[in-house]
């Protein structure tokens, strides 16, 4: 009879609440939100950085010393290519580069003429819009 008394002391199985699925699901949601927020900030940073480069190039083109025509021609070519992003500005850039060729590949380049200056001014107006 003692063996029956020992069996009556054992209690039934108790259900333990399991929230691990909900915890896992909430961690995934929080992780996705964090990734989205970080990607937005990175995108804004890259976009802002690109705009500052553009402003820098425009400022460089506006402040070029046109008295040294050979150096100016190379600098205009370098910065203008980085700024040309529309079809209109690319067309003007082509014409400007044709004008600048006469200053680049010669030992003693002549002084920059008015037509080249006009093309540069036109290019800056189109790019600064």
Protein backbone atom coordinates (compact mmCIF):
# COMPACT_ATOMS: atom_id res chain seq x y z
CA UNK A 1 0.00 0.00 0.00
CA UNK A 2 2.87 2.31 0.52
CA UNK A 3 3.60 2.38 -3.17
CA UNK A 4 0.12 3.76 -3.94
CA UNK A 5 0.58 6.57 -1.47
CA UNK A 6 3.76 7.68 -3.27
CA UNK A 7 1.92 7.87 -6.59
CA UNK A 8 -0.72 10.19 -5.19
CA UNK A 9 1.97 12.75 -4.23
CA UNK A 10 2.94 13.32 -7.91
CA UNK A 11 1.18 16.34 -9.35
CA UNK A 12 -0.11 16.74 -12.87
CA UNK A 13 1.99 18.31 -15.63
CA UNK A 14 1.71 22.10 -15.54
CA UNK A 15 1.72 24.15 -18.76
CA UNK A 16 4.50 26.76 -18.76
CA UNK A 17 3.66 29.73 -21.00
CA UNK A 18 6.12 29.99 -23.90
CA UNK A 19 6.65 33.47 -25.34
CA UNK A 20 9.82 32.70 -27.28
CA UNK A 21 8.04 32.91 -30.67
CA UNK A 22 6.70 36.39 -29.87
CA UNK A 23 10.08 37.53 -28.60
CA UNK A 24 11.74 36.25 -31.79
CA UNK A 25 9.11 37.95 -33.96
CA UNK A 26 9.49 41.27 -32.13
CA UNK A 27 13.30 41.11 -32.49
CA UNK A 28 12.95 40.60 -36.24
CA UNK A 29 10.57 43.56 -36.53
CA UNK A 30 12.86 45.82 -34.49
CA UNK A 31 15.85 44.70 -36.58
CA UNK A 32 14.07 45.49 -39.85
CA UNK A 33 13.07 48.94 -38.55
CA UNK A 34 16.67 49.67 -37.48
CA UNK A 35 18.01 48.60 -40.90
CA UNK A 36 15.47 50.82 -42.69
CA UNK A 37 16.32 53.84 -40.53
CA UNK A 38 20.07 53.31 -41.03
CA UNK A 39 19.68 52.95 -44.79
CA UNK A 40 17.68 56.21 -44.94
CA UNK A 41 20.38 58.08 -43.02
CA UNK A 42 23.15 56.61 -45.18
CA UNK A 43 21.25 57.54 -48.36
CA UNK A 44 20.77 61.13 -47.12
CA UNK A 45 24.45 61.36 -46.17
CA UNK A 46 25.61 60.17 -49.58
CA UNK A 47 23.19 62.49 -51.36
CA UNK A 48 24.30 65.46 -49.26
CA UNK A 49 27.96 64.61 -49.87
CA UNK A 50 27.36 64.51 -53.62
CA UNK A 51 25.72 67.92 -53.54
CA UNK A 52 28.63 69.42 -51.64
CA UNK A 53 31.04 68.11 -54.29
CA UNK A 54 28.86 69.69 -56.95
CA UNK A 55 28.90 73.03 -55.13
CA UNK A 56 32.67 72.73 -54.77
CA UNK A 57 33.13 72.13 -58.51
CA UNK A 58 30.86 75.04 -59.41
CA UNK A 59 32.79 77.32 -57.07
CA UNK A 60 36.09 76.17 -58.60
CA UNK A 61 34.81 76.91 -62.10
CA UNK A 62 33.61 80.35 -61.10
CA UNK A 63 36.98 81.23 -59.54
CA UNK A 64 39.27 80.00 -62.32
CA UNK A 65 41.97 82.43 -63.37
CA UNK A 66 41.40 82.80 -67.11
CA UNK A 67 44.68 84.69 -67.66
CA UNK A 68 46.61 81.38 -67.60
CA UNK A 69 44.62 79.84 -70.44
CA UNK A 70 46.37 76.46 -70.54
CA UNK A 71 45.90 75.72 -66.84
CA UNK A 72 42.37 77.11 -66.98
CA UNK A 73 41.49 74.86 -69.92
CA UNK A 74 42.60 71.74 -68.05
CA UNK A 75 40.77 72.75 -64.88
CA UNK A 76 37.59 73.60 -66.77
CA UNK A 77 37.72 70.22 -68.51
CA UNK A 78 38.21 68.38 -65.22
CA UNK A 79 35.43 70.07 -63.26
CA UNK A 80 32.97 70.54 -66.12
CA UNK A 81 32.95 66.82 -66.90
CA UNK A 82 32.02 66.11 -63.30
CA UNK A 83 29.15 68.63 -63.48
CA UNK A 84 27.58 67.69 -66.82
CA UNK A 85 24.57 65.55 -65.96
CA UNK A 86 21.86 66.57 -68.43
CA UNK A 87 21.73 66.36 -72.21
CA UNK A 88 21.72 70.14 -72.51
CA UNK A 89 24.77 70.58 -70.32
CA UNK A 90 26.57 67.75 -72.14
CA UNK A 91 25.97 69.48 -75.50
CA UNK A 92 27.33 72.75 -74.17
CA UNK A 93 30.26 70.87 -72.64
CA UNK A 94 31.12 69.35 -76.02
CA UNK A 95 31.24 72.79 -77.60
CA UNK A 96 33.23 74.15 -74.68
CA UNK A 97 35.76 71.32 -74.94
CA UNK A 98 36.16 71.96 -78.67
CA UNK A 99 36.92 75.59 -77.87
CA UNK A 100 39.38 74.63 -75.12
CA UNK A 101 41.39 72.24 -77.32
CA UNK A 102 43.30 75.15 -78.85
CA UNK A 103 44.68 76.06 -75.42
CA UNK A 104 45.60 72.61 -74.15
CA UNK A 105 48.09 70.93 -76.42
CA UNK A 106 50.43 73.77 -77.31
CA UNK A 107 53.60 74.94 -75.60
CA UNK A 108 52.62 78.60 -75.36
CA UNK A 109 48.86 78.92 -75.45
CA UNK A 110 47.21 82.16 -76.55
CA UNK A 111 45.08 84.24 -74.23
CA UNK A 112 41.53 82.91 -73.82
CA UNK A 113 39.16 84.55 -76.30
CA UNK A 114 35.66 85.87 -75.62
CA UNK A 115 33.88 82.96 -77.30
CA UNK A 116 35.46 80.45 -74.92
CA UNK A 117 34.52 82.64 -71.97
CA UNK A 118 30.94 82.83 -73.25
CA UNK A 119 30.74 79.03 -73.51
CA UNK A 120 32.05 78.72 -69.96
CA UNK A 121 29.54 81.27 -68.70
CA UNK A 122 26.70 79.48 -70.54
CA UNK A 123 27.78 76.14 -69.11
CA UNK A 124 27.80 77.56 -65.58
CA UNK A 125 24.34 79.05 -66.07
CA UNK A 126 22.96 75.71 -67.22
CA UNK A 127 24.62 73.74 -64.43
CA UNK A 128 23.74 76.18 -61.64
CA UNK A 129 20.00 76.15 -62.32
